[in-house]
N, C-alpha and C. Protein backbone atom coordinates (compact mmCIF):
# COMPACT_ATOMS: atom_id res chain seq x y z
N MET A 1 41.10 -26.81 -34.86
CA MET A 1 40.86 -27.16 -33.18
C MET A 1 40.42 -25.63 -32.71
N PRO A 2 41.24 -24.80 -33.15
CA PRO A 2 41.13 -23.35 -31.95
C PRO A 2 39.62 -22.96 -32.07
N ALA A 3 38.79 -23.24 -33.65
CA ALA A 3 37.83 -22.47 -33.82
C ALA A 3 36.49 -23.49 -32.42
N THR A 4 37.04 -24.52 -32.34
CA THR A 4 35.95 -25.36 -31.39
C THR A 4 36.12 -24.99 -30.22
N LYS A 5 37.36 -24.56 -29.82
CA LYS A 5 37.51 -24.17 -28.61
C LYS A 5 36.79 -22.71 -28.07
N THR A 6 36.84 -21.80 -29.18
CA THR A 6 36.35 -20.68 -29.11
C THR A 6 34.87 -20.98 -28.95
N LYS A 7 34.48 -22.03 -29.68
CA LYS A 7 32.72 -21.77 -30.05
C LYS A 7 32.39 -22.19 -28.67
N ARG A 8 32.89 -23.43 -27.82
CA ARG A 8 32.58 -23.87 -26.67
C ARG A 8 32.75 -23.12 -25.47
N ALA A 9 33.79 -21.79 -25.75
CA ALA A 9 33.81 -21.20 -24.80
C ALA A 9 32.54 -19.90 -24.46
N THR A 10 32.17 -19.85 -25.92
CA THR A 10 31.26 -18.95 -25.96
C THR A 10 29.56 -19.59 -25.82
N ASN A 11 29.49 -20.81 -26.06
CA ASN A 11 28.11 -21.57 -25.30
C ASN A 11 28.48 -21.19 -23.92
N THR A 12 29.87 -21.58 -23.34
CA THR A 12 29.59 -21.81 -22.00
C THR A 12 29.18 -20.70 -21.11
N VAL A 13 30.04 -19.34 -22.04
CA VAL A 13 29.48 -18.15 -21.17
C VAL A 13 27.72 -17.74 -21.74
N SER A 14 27.12 -17.75 -22.81
CA SER A 14 25.81 -17.51 -22.95
C SER A 14 24.97 -18.64 -22.12
N ARG A 15 25.55 -19.36 -21.68
CA ARG A 15 24.32 -20.75 -20.61
C ARG A 15 24.58 -20.18 -19.30
N GLN A 16 25.82 -18.97 -18.95
CA GLN A 16 25.35 -18.69 -17.34
C GLN A 16 24.46 -17.76 -17.26
N ARG A 17 23.90 -17.85 -15.95
CA ARG A 17 22.79 -16.77 -15.60
C ARG A 17 23.45 -15.41 -15.33
N GLN A 18 22.70 -14.43 -15.64
CA GLN A 18 23.22 -12.98 -15.19
C GLN A 18 22.65 -13.36 -13.42
N PRO A 19 23.69 -12.41 -12.89
CA PRO A 19 23.80 -12.58 -11.33
C PRO A 19 22.94 -11.72 -11.14
N LEU A 20 22.06 -12.32 -9.50
CA LEU A 20 20.53 -12.22 -9.15
C LEU A 20 20.87 -10.23 -8.52
N ASP A 21 19.85 -9.88 -8.92
CA ASP A 21 19.48 -8.35 -8.50
C ASP A 21 18.54 -8.62 -7.52
N LEU A 22 18.65 -8.95 -6.51
CA LEU A 22 17.86 -9.13 -5.23
C LEU A 22 17.27 -7.55 -5.02
N GLU A 23 18.10 -6.62 -4.70
CA GLU A 23 17.99 -5.41 -4.17
C GLU A 23 17.05 -4.50 -5.12
N GLY A 24 16.95 -4.89 -6.35
CA GLY A 24 15.84 -4.60 -7.26
C GLY A 24 14.74 -5.28 -7.11
N VAL A 25 14.63 -6.57 -6.84
CA VAL A 25 13.92 -7.12 -6.96
C VAL A 25 12.93 -6.79 -5.68
N ALA A 26 13.43 -6.52 -4.27
CA ALA A 26 12.84 -6.09 -3.11
C ALA A 26 12.32 -4.57 -3.49
N GLU A 27 12.86 -3.67 -4.37
CA GLU A 27 12.51 -2.60 -4.13
C GLU A 27 11.16 -2.30 -5.36
N GLU A 28 11.06 -3.39 -6.34
CA GLU A 28 9.72 -3.13 -7.10
C GLU A 28 9.11 -4.07 -6.47
N ILE A 29 9.14 -5.00 -5.41
CA ILE A 29 7.62 -6.05 -5.15
C ILE A 29 7.63 -4.61 -3.96
N GLU A 30 8.41 -3.98 -3.08
CA GLU A 30 8.22 -2.50 -2.33
C GLU A 30 7.17 -1.43 -2.77
N ALA A 31 7.65 -1.31 -4.18
CA ALA A 31 6.46 -0.47 -4.78
C ALA A 31 5.23 -0.71 -4.88
N LEU A 32 5.03 -2.25 -5.58
CA LEU A 32 3.77 -2.88 -5.42
C LEU A 32 2.97 -2.43 -4.32
N LEU A 33 3.68 -3.11 -3.35
CA LEU A 33 2.64 -3.27 -1.95
C LEU A 33 2.46 -1.56 -1.61
N SER A 34 3.32 -0.63 -1.95
CA SER A 34 3.01 0.87 -1.38
C SER A 34 2.01 1.04 -2.17
N LYS A 35 1.57 0.94 -2.82
CA LYS A 35 0.40 1.34 -3.40
C LYS A 35 -1.11 1.29 -2.50
N TYR A 36 -1.14 0.13 -1.71
CA TYR A 36 -1.92 0.16 -0.81
C TYR A 36 -2.03 0.52 0.70
N ALA A 37 -1.04 1.57 0.69
CA ALA A 37 -0.61 2.20 2.06
C ALA A 37 -0.83 3.76 1.83
N PRO A 38 -1.93 4.28 2.13
CA PRO A 38 -3.06 4.20 2.91
C PRO A 38 -3.66 3.44 2.16
N PRO A 39 -4.82 2.78 2.21
CA PRO A 39 -5.67 2.30 4.15
C PRO A 39 -4.69 1.97 4.91
N LEU A 40 -3.85 0.83 4.03
CA LEU A 40 -3.58 -0.41 4.78
C LEU A 40 -1.61 0.63 5.76
N THR A 41 -1.35 -0.03 6.65
CA THR A 41 -0.77 0.51 7.27
C THR A 41 0.85 -0.45 7.25
N VAL A 42 1.77 0.45 6.88
CA VAL A 42 3.47 0.03 6.75
C VAL A 42 3.89 -0.01 7.90
N ARG A 43 4.43 -1.19 8.03
CA ARG A 43 5.34 -1.46 9.25
C ARG A 43 7.05 -1.95 8.50
N ARG A 44 8.20 -1.58 9.11
CA ARG A 44 9.22 -1.89 8.43
C ARG A 44 9.95 -2.36 9.73
N ASP A 45 11.23 -3.67 9.44
CA ASP A 45 11.77 -4.00 10.36
C ASP A 45 13.55 -3.74 10.18
N ALA A 46 14.12 -3.84 10.79
CA ALA A 46 15.89 -3.71 10.76
C ALA A 46 16.04 -4.16 9.78
N LYS A 47 15.59 -5.71 9.28
CA LYS A 47 16.07 -6.19 8.13
C LYS A 47 15.69 -5.68 6.60
N GLY A 48 14.92 -4.91 6.78
CA GLY A 48 14.55 -4.22 5.80
C GLY A 48 12.96 -4.48 4.91
N GLY A 49 12.86 -5.13 6.13
CA GLY A 49 11.03 -5.81 5.51
C GLY A 49 10.24 -4.99 5.12
N PHE A 50 9.40 -5.12 4.43
CA PHE A 50 8.28 -3.59 4.14
C PHE A 50 6.83 -4.50 4.14
N HIS A 51 6.24 -4.45 5.51
CA HIS A 51 4.63 -5.24 5.96
C HIS A 51 3.69 -4.21 5.91
N LEU A 52 2.43 -4.96 5.18
CA LEU A 52 1.16 -4.04 5.26
C LEU A 52 0.31 -4.63 6.36
N TYR A 53 -0.28 -4.05 6.99
CA TYR A 53 -1.49 -4.47 7.94
C TYR A 53 -2.40 -3.64 7.89
N SER A 54 -3.72 -4.11 8.27
CA SER A 54 -5.05 -3.51 8.35
C SER A 54 -5.43 -3.36 10.02
N GLU A 55 -5.72 -2.28 10.15
CA GLU A 55 -5.63 -2.08 11.54
C GLU A 55 -6.93 -1.50 11.75
N LYS A 56 -7.95 -2.60 11.49
CA LYS A 56 -9.07 -2.46 11.89
C LYS A 56 -9.83 -3.82 12.89
N GLU A 57 -10.78 -3.37 13.98
CA GLU A 57 -11.02 -4.51 14.71
C GLU A 57 -11.94 -4.96 13.79
N ILE A 58 -11.32 -6.51 13.56
CA ILE A 58 -12.64 -7.30 13.39
C ILE A 58 -12.61 -8.48 13.78
N GLU A 59 -13.46 -9.31 13.54
CA GLU A 59 -13.56 -10.91 14.36
C GLU A 59 -13.28 -11.90 13.06
N VAL A 60 -12.54 -12.74 13.18
CA VAL A 60 -11.88 -13.79 12.17
C VAL A 60 -12.44 -15.30 13.07
N GLU A 61 -12.89 -15.96 12.38
CA GLU A 61 -13.68 -17.20 12.72
C GLU A 61 -13.96 -17.13 14.84
N GLY A 62 -14.79 -16.54 15.21
CA GLY A 62 -15.24 -16.05 16.32
C GLY A 62 -14.17 -15.40 17.27
N ARG A 63 -12.85 -14.72 16.55
CA ARG A 63 -11.86 -14.10 17.40
C ARG A 63 -11.95 -12.96 17.03
N LYS A 64 -11.89 -11.72 17.90
CA LYS A 64 -11.82 -10.59 18.11
C LYS A 64 -9.80 -10.31 17.48
N LYS A 65 -9.68 -9.74 16.23
CA LYS A 65 -8.14 -9.23 16.48
C LYS A 65 -8.45 -7.60 16.06
N LYS A 66 -7.17 -6.98 16.63
CA LYS A 66 -6.83 -5.75 16.38
C LYS A 66 -6.63 -5.15 15.20
N GLU A 67 -6.13 -6.25 14.28
CA GLU A 67 -5.38 -6.45 13.40
C GLU A 67 -5.14 -7.39 12.26
N MET A 68 -5.10 -7.16 11.13
CA MET A 68 -5.06 -8.46 9.86
C MET A 68 -3.77 -8.31 9.18
N PHE A 69 -2.64 -9.06 8.92
CA PHE A 69 -1.90 -8.86 8.04
C PHE A 69 -1.89 -9.18 6.67
N PHE A 70 -1.68 -7.97 5.57
CA PHE A 70 -1.98 -8.24 4.08
C PHE A 70 -1.11 -8.93 3.69
N ALA A 71 0.17 -8.52 3.46
CA ALA A 71 1.62 -9.01 2.88
C ALA A 71 2.62 -8.23 3.23
N SER A 72 4.13 -8.61 2.63
CA SER A 72 4.94 -8.04 2.88
C SER A 72 6.35 -8.66 2.23
N MET A 73 7.40 -7.97 2.26
CA MET A 73 8.18 -7.84 1.27
C MET A 73 9.53 -8.23 2.35
N VAL A 74 10.28 -9.49 2.22
CA VAL A 74 11.03 -9.54 3.31
C VAL A 74 12.44 -9.80 2.69
N PRO A 75 13.69 -9.08 2.46
CA PRO A 75 14.94 -9.38 1.74
C PRO A 75 15.30 -10.71 2.63
N GLN A 76 15.40 -11.75 1.84
CA GLN A 76 16.50 -12.87 2.24
C GLN A 76 17.76 -13.05 1.54
N LYS A 77 18.75 -13.84 2.11
CA LYS A 77 20.34 -13.94 1.55
C LYS A 77 20.28 -14.44 0.37
N GLY A 78 18.96 -15.50 -0.29
CA GLY A 78 19.17 -15.98 -1.70
C GLY A 78 17.96 -15.26 -2.35
N TYR A 79 17.14 -14.73 -1.34
CA TYR A 79 15.75 -14.24 -2.28
C TYR A 79 15.06 -13.63 -1.85
N VAL A 80 13.82 -13.19 -2.22
CA VAL A 80 13.01 -11.70 -2.04
C VAL A 80 11.89 -12.76 -0.75
N GLY A 81 11.21 -12.91 -0.39
CA GLY A 81 10.16 -13.31 0.59
C GLY A 81 9.04 -12.11 -0.10
N PHE A 82 7.97 -12.36 -0.61
CA PHE A 82 6.90 -12.36 -0.58
C PHE A 82 5.74 -12.68 0.07
N TYR A 83 5.61 -12.35 1.14
CA TYR A 83 4.27 -12.79 2.20
C TYR A 83 3.07 -12.38 1.70
N TYR A 84 2.17 -13.27 1.38
CA TYR A 84 0.66 -12.98 0.95
C TYR A 84 -0.11 -13.53 1.75
N MET A 85 -0.93 -13.00 2.65
CA MET A 85 -1.94 -13.94 3.56
C MET A 85 -3.32 -13.87 2.98
N PRO A 86 -3.77 -13.21 1.94
CA PRO A 86 -4.88 -13.68 1.41
C PRO A 86 -4.92 -15.09 0.93
N ILE A 87 -4.19 -15.70 0.26
CA ILE A 87 -3.85 -16.84 -0.21
C ILE A 87 -3.83 -17.90 1.21
N TYR A 88 -3.63 -17.62 2.57
CA TYR A 88 -3.52 -18.32 3.36
C TYR A 88 -5.38 -18.11 3.89
N THR A 89 -5.75 -16.95 3.90
CA THR A 89 -7.21 -17.23 4.86
C THR A 89 -8.21 -17.37 3.43
N ASN A 90 -7.43 -17.44 2.29
CA ASN A 90 -8.76 -17.88 1.20
C ASN A 90 -8.27 -19.00 0.33
N PRO A 91 -7.66 -20.27 0.79
CA PRO A 91 -6.59 -20.91 0.03
C PRO A 91 -7.50 -20.86 -1.52
N GLU A 92 -8.75 -21.05 -2.02
CA GLU A 92 -9.34 -21.28 -3.27
C GLU A 92 -8.76 -19.98 -4.30
N GLN A 93 -7.95 -19.31 -3.30
CA GLN A 93 -7.62 -18.00 -4.12
C GLN A 93 -6.20 -18.38 -5.24
N GLN A 94 -5.66 -19.34 -4.53
CA GLN A 94 -4.96 -19.89 -5.34
C GLN A 94 -4.87 -20.70 -6.89
N ALA A 95 -6.09 -21.03 -7.13
CA ALA A 95 -6.67 -21.53 -8.31
C ALA A 95 -6.42 -20.19 -9.62
N LEU A 96 -6.34 -18.97 -8.74
CA LEU A 96 -6.37 -17.95 -9.71
C LEU A 96 -4.93 -17.59 -10.29
N PHE A 97 -3.93 -18.29 -9.43
CA PHE A 97 -2.35 -17.98 -10.44
C PHE A 97 -1.84 -18.38 -11.23
N LYS A 98 -1.52 -17.81 -12.16
CA LYS A 98 -0.70 -18.45 -13.20
C LYS A 98 0.74 -19.29 -12.65
N PRO A 99 1.02 -20.07 -13.43
CA PRO A 99 2.19 -21.02 -12.93
C PRO A 99 3.56 -20.56 -12.72
N GLU A 100 3.56 -19.50 -13.46
CA GLU A 100 4.90 -18.55 -13.17
C GLU A 100 5.00 -18.16 -11.49
N LEU A 101 3.82 -17.95 -11.09
CA LEU A 101 4.08 -16.88 -9.53
C LEU A 101 3.88 -18.82 -8.42
N LEU A 102 2.61 -19.36 -8.91
CA LEU A 102 2.27 -20.29 -8.47
C LEU A 102 3.84 -21.47 -7.85
N SER A 103 4.63 -21.45 -9.16
CA SER A 103 5.91 -22.17 -8.75
C SER A 103 6.81 -21.57 -7.80
N LEU A 104 6.44 -20.36 -7.52
CA LEU A 104 7.70 -19.66 -6.83
C LEU A 104 6.77 -20.23 -5.11
N LEU A 105 5.27 -20.70 -4.74
CA LEU A 105 5.14 -20.56 -3.56
C LEU A 105 6.07 -22.09 -2.79
N LYS A 106 6.20 -20.82 -1.73
CA LYS A 106 6.84 -22.26 -0.39
C LYS A 106 6.18 -22.33 0.74
N GLY A 107 5.99 -23.04 1.37
CA GLY A 107 4.82 -22.89 2.11
C GLY A 107 3.68 -22.83 1.68
N LYS A 108 2.98 -21.89 2.49
CA LYS A 108 1.48 -21.77 3.11
C LYS A 108 1.21 -20.43 2.04
N SER A 109 1.97 -19.28 2.69
CA SER A 109 1.54 -18.16 1.79
C SER A 109 3.02 -17.03 1.82
N CYS A 110 4.24 -18.18 1.41
CA CYS A 110 5.52 -17.31 1.27
C CYS A 110 5.73 -17.73 -0.52
N PHE A 111 6.23 -16.94 -1.19
CA PHE A 111 6.93 -17.09 -2.64
C PHE A 111 8.42 -16.54 -2.24
N HIS A 112 9.19 -16.75 -2.82
CA HIS A 112 10.36 -16.78 -2.93
C HIS A 112 10.88 -16.49 -4.59
N VAL A 113 10.89 -14.96 -4.59
CA VAL A 113 11.27 -14.49 -6.03
C VAL A 113 12.66 -14.21 -5.63
N LYS A 114 13.55 -14.52 -7.00
CA LYS A 114 14.58 -14.42 -7.09
C LYS A 114 15.02 -13.42 -8.49
N ARG A 115 14.09 -13.72 -9.27
CA ARG A 115 14.14 -12.77 -10.43
C ARG A 115 12.80 -12.15 -10.87
N LEU A 116 12.20 -10.98 -11.10
CA LEU A 116 11.36 -10.47 -11.45
C LEU A 116 11.38 -9.79 -12.78
N ASP A 117 10.52 -10.85 -13.63
CA ASP A 117 10.18 -9.97 -15.50
C ASP A 117 8.95 -9.53 -15.16
N VAL A 118 8.40 -8.99 -16.39
CA VAL A 118 7.36 -8.20 -16.56
C VAL A 118 6.16 -9.24 -16.31
N GLU A 119 5.84 -10.38 -16.56
CA GLU A 119 5.54 -11.23 -16.61
C GLU A 119 4.78 -11.51 -14.90
N LEU A 120 6.21 -11.95 -14.31
CA LEU A 120 5.61 -12.03 -12.98
C LEU A 120 5.26 -10.92 -12.02
N LYS A 121 6.04 -9.29 -12.54
CA LYS A 121 5.51 -8.30 -11.59
C LYS A 121 3.73 -8.27 -11.63
N LYS A 122 3.59 -8.43 -13.36
CA LYS A 122 1.95 -8.07 -13.53
C LYS A 122 0.82 -9.02 -12.75
N GLN A 123 1.72 -10.57 -12.44
CA GLN A 123 0.70 -11.62 -11.37
C GLN A 123 0.90 -11.05 -10.21
N ILE A 124 2.18 -10.51 -9.80
CA ILE A 124 2.03 -10.08 -8.29
C ILE A 124 0.84 -9.16 -8.09
N ARG A 125 1.12 -7.66 -9.13
CA ARG A 125 0.10 -6.94 -9.03
C ARG A 125 -1.31 -7.42 -9.01
N GLN A 126 -1.59 -8.37 -9.50
CA GLN A 126 -3.11 -8.99 -9.98
C GLN A 126 -3.40 -9.58 -8.93
N ALA A 127 -2.40 -10.37 -7.93
CA ALA A 127 -2.83 -10.89 -6.64
C ALA A 127 -2.89 -9.89 -5.55
N LEU A 128 -2.31 -8.96 -5.62
CA LEU A 128 -2.33 -7.67 -4.51
C LEU A 128 -3.80 -7.04 -4.54
N ALA A 129 -4.29 -6.86 -5.98
CA ALA A 129 -5.58 -6.34 -6.48
C ALA A 129 -6.82 -7.20 -5.78
N ASP A 130 -6.76 -8.38 -6.47
CA ASP A 130 -7.32 -9.43 -5.79
C ASP A 130 -7.95 -9.77 -4.36
N GLY A 131 -6.61 -9.61 -3.91
CA GLY A 131 -6.40 -9.97 -2.37
C GLY A 131 -7.07 -8.98 -1.66
N PHE A 132 -7.15 -7.68 -1.93
CA PHE A 132 -7.37 -6.31 -1.31
C PHE A 132 -8.74 -6.68 -1.62
N LYS A 133 -9.44 -6.77 -2.67
CA LYS A 133 -10.17 -6.83 -3.10
C LYS A 133 -11.62 -7.57 -2.13
N LEU A 134 -10.64 -9.04 -1.48
CA LEU A 134 -10.99 -10.04 -1.05
C LEU A 134 -11.49 -9.27 0.61
N TYR A 135 -10.04 -8.43 1.16
CA TYR A 135 -10.28 -8.10 2.51
C TYR A 135 -11.49 -7.12 2.44
N ARG A 136 -11.60 -6.20 1.29
CA ARG A 136 -12.63 -5.26 1.79
C ARG A 136 -13.90 -5.85 1.40
N LYS A 137 -14.11 -7.00 0.69
CA LYS A 137 -15.16 -7.49 0.69
C LYS A 137 -15.55 -8.00 2.25
N ARG A 138 -14.47 -8.66 2.69
CA ARG A 138 -14.79 -9.31 4.23
C ARG A 138 -14.99 -8.17 4.90
N GLY A 139 -14.66 -6.90 4.83
CA GLY A 139 -14.54 -5.65 6.03
C GLY A 139 -13.68 -5.51 7.17
N TRP A 140 -12.41 -6.21 6.12
CA TRP A 140 -11.17 -6.44 6.84
C TRP A 140 -10.29 -4.90 6.72
N VAL A 141 -10.93 -4.10 5.91
CA VAL A 141 -9.73 -2.92 5.46
C VAL A 141 -11.18 -1.88 5.35
């Protein structure tokens, strides 16, 4: 009987997830975003957010704008928010995303990231590259 208890205890421990490293996730996403500054402008906020904007006068749907939001990282209590405007301005871009990244999409342009493995990091890197290319094509950068 003691061997059974030990085995159950081991199984319980192995099923437990490692604690979240949200600070590490935030740092990695910020590093991915940083590659686009310049030409994009960085803005930081008091909560640790890292935001990228194009500060170019543009016209979107007949309205003139002095800037265009691109993407950001915002630390939250239980996840890191990865906000990605190209998916909002170009919804068909969503079809390019793999299921791992798409499953994190909450709303129209916010991804809730709790863990960042090699594959997910690769997908975010690719999304940023595709979005930046789209902004360049539209003359927003």
